[in-house]
Amino acid sequence: MPDAEDKPVLFCSCNDNSIYLYDLPSFNERGRIFSKGEVRTIETGPGGLFFTGDGTGLLNVWKLAESHGRVLQVA
């Protein structure tokens, strides 16, 4: 997924109920999102939004912030 500066970011769901974000092509860790259950889906949306769903049935809406590559929970 491209960030606000159109640089690619890789999202990686792991067995520890988290999602790691990496800058590409360097693979430097950019951030981490924690979930209550096993992350089962990650989907991109318009305007820098993305969605995560976990094993508890919880759906979260996120947005890559424009400053320092932070991730903000929208809802």
C-alpha atoms as a PDB file:
ATOM      1  CA  MET A   1       0.000   0.000   0.000  1.00  0.00           C
ATOM      2  CA  PRO A   2       1.397   3.449  -0.788  1.00  0.00           C
ATOM      3  CA  ASP A   3       1.696   5.960   2.059  1.00  0.00           C
ATOM      4  CA  ALA A   4       0.903   9.704   1.852  1.00  0.00           C
ATOM      5  CA  GLU A   5       4.233  10.293   0.067  1.00  0.00           C
ATOM      6  CA  ASP A   6       3.458   7.447  -2.381  1.00  0.00           C
ATOM      7  CA  LYS A   7       6.191   5.228  -0.868  1.00  0.00           C
ATOM      8  CA  PRO A   8       5.310   1.513  -0.668  1.00  0.00           C
ATOM      9  CA  VAL A   9       4.497  -0.059   2.707  1.00  0.00           C
ATOM     10  CA  LEU A  10       4.200  -3.813   3.297  1.00  0.00           C
ATOM     11  CA  PHE A  11       1.635  -5.101   5.814  1.00  0.00           C
ATOM     12  CA  CYS A  12       2.436  -8.485   7.355  1.00  0.00           C
ATOM     13  CA  SER A  13      -0.008 -10.365   9.596  1.00  0.00           C
ATOM     14  CA  CYS A  14       1.716 -12.573  12.208  1.00  0.00           C
ATOM     15  CA  ASN A  15       0.676 -15.331  14.616  1.00  0.00           C
ATOM     16  CA  ASP A  16       1.195 -13.041  17.627  1.00  0.00           C
ATOM     17  CA  ASN A  17      -2.069 -11.149  16.891  1.00  0.00           C
ATOM     18  CA  SER A  18      -0.252  -8.234  15.318  1.00  0.00           C
ATOM     19  CA  ILE A  19       0.418  -6.619  11.964  1.00  0.00           C
ATOM     20  CA  TYR A  20       3.911  -5.386  11.164  1.00  0.00           C
ATOM     21  CA  LEU A  21       4.429  -2.512   8.729  1.00  0.00           C
ATOM     22  CA  TYR A  22       7.652  -2.348   6.703  1.00  0.00           C
ATOM     23  CA  ASP A  23       9.040   0.279   4.348  1.00  0.00           C
ATOM     24  CA  LEU A  24       9.916  -1.078   0.925  1.00  0.00           C
ATOM     25  CA  PRO A  25      12.407  -1.832  -0.542  1.00  0.00           C
ATOM     26  CA  SER A  26      14.494  -1.494   2.670  1.00  0.00           C
ATOM     27  CA  PHE A  27      12.233  -3.681   4.877  1.00  0.00           C
ATOM     28  CA  ASN A  28      12.866  -1.305   7.797  1.00  0.00           C
ATOM     29  CA  GLU A  29      10.136  -1.762  10.400  1.00  0.00           C
ATOM     30  CA  ARG A  30       7.761   1.173  10.270  1.00  0.00           C
ATOM     31  CA  GLY A  31       5.256   0.237  12.928  1.00  0.00           C
ATOM     32  CA  ARG A  32       3.076  -2.395  14.500  1.00  0.00           C
ATOM     33  CA  ILE A  33      -0.654  -2.791  15.066  1.00  0.00           C
ATOM     34  CA  PHE A  34      -1.950  -5.037  17.844  1.00  0.00           C
ATOM     35  CA  SER A  35      -5.181  -7.008  17.635  1.00  0.00           C
ATOM     36  CA  LYS A  36      -7.346  -8.829  20.190  1.00  0.00           C
ATOM     37  CA  GLY A  37      -7.367 -12.006  18.108  1.00  0.00           C
ATOM     38  CA  GLU A  38      -5.700 -13.631  15.132  1.00  0.00           C
ATOM     39  CA  VAL A  39      -5.684 -11.170  12.232  1.00  0.00           C
ATOM     40  CA  ARG A  40      -7.636 -12.777   9.411  1.00  0.00           C
ATOM     41  CA  THR A  41      -7.911 -10.019   6.848  1.00  0.00           C
ATOM     42  CA  ILE A  42      -6.292  -6.773   5.753  1.00  0.00           C
ATOM     43  CA  GLU A  43      -7.933  -4.752   2.981  1.00  0.00           C
ATOM     44  CA  THR A  44      -6.997  -1.399   1.482  1.00  0.00           C
ATOM     45  CA  GLY A  45      -9.487   1.382   0.867  1.00  0.00           C
ATOM     46  CA  PRO A  46      -9.508   4.857  -0.668  1.00  0.00           C
ATOM     47  CA  GLY A  47      -7.561   7.817   0.689  1.00  0.00           C
ATOM     48  CA  GLY A  48      -5.001   5.880   2.720  1.00  0.00           C
ATOM     49  CA  LEU A  49      -7.623   3.920   4.668  1.00  0.00           C
ATOM     50  CA  PHE A  50      -7.230   0.234   5.382  1.00  0.00           C
ATOM     51  CA  PHE A  51      -9.295  -2.310   7.276  1.00  0.00           C
ATOM     52  CA  THR A  52      -8.328  -5.181   9.577  1.00  0.00           C
ATOM     53  CA  GLY A  53     -10.514  -8.013  10.788  1.00  0.00           C
ATOM     54  CA  ASP A  54      -9.615 -10.482  13.511  1.00  0.00           C
ATOM     55  CA  GLY A  55     -10.780 -13.798  14.937  1.00  0.00           C
ATOM     56  CA  THR A  56     -13.014 -12.092  17.514  1.00  0.00           C
ATOM     57  CA  GLY A  57     -15.113 -10.643  14.678  1.00  0.00           C
ATOM     58  CA  LEU A  58     -13.827  -7.104  15.271  1.00  0.00           C
ATOM     59  CA  LEU A  59     -13.393  -4.879  12.212  1.00  0.00           C
ATOM     60  CA  ASN A  60     -11.133  -1.818  12.550  1.00  0.00           C
ATOM     61  CA  VAL A  61     -10.648   1.103  10.198  1.00  0.00           C
ATOM     62  CA  TRP A  62      -7.159   2.650  10.076  1.00  0.00           C
ATOM     63  CA  LYS A  63      -5.403   5.463   8.251  1.00  0.00           C
ATOM     64  CA  LEU A  64      -1.708   6.021   7.614  1.00  0.00           C
ATOM     65  CA  ALA A  65      -0.978   9.421   9.149  1.00  0.00           C
ATOM     66  CA  GLU A  66       0.960  11.881   7.044  1.00  0.00           C
ATOM     67  CA  SER A  67       3.497  12.659   9.753  1.00  0.00           C
ATOM     68  CA  HIS A  68       6.266  10.178  10.534  1.00  0.00           C
ATOM     69  CA  GLY A  69       4.389   7.213   9.031  1.00  0.00           C
ATOM     70  CA  ARG A  70       2.153   6.756  12.047  1.00  0.00           C
ATOM     71  CA  VAL A  71      -1.007   4.666  11.936  1.00  0.00           C
ATOM     72  CA  LEU A  72      -4.214   6.082  13.397  1.00  0.00           C
ATOM     73  CA  GLN A  73      -7.344   4.128  14.255  1.00  0.00           C
ATOM     74  CA  VAL A  74     -10.302   5.843  12.604  1.00  0.00           C
ATOM     75  CA  ALA A  75     -13.228   3.929  14.107  1.00  0.00           C
END
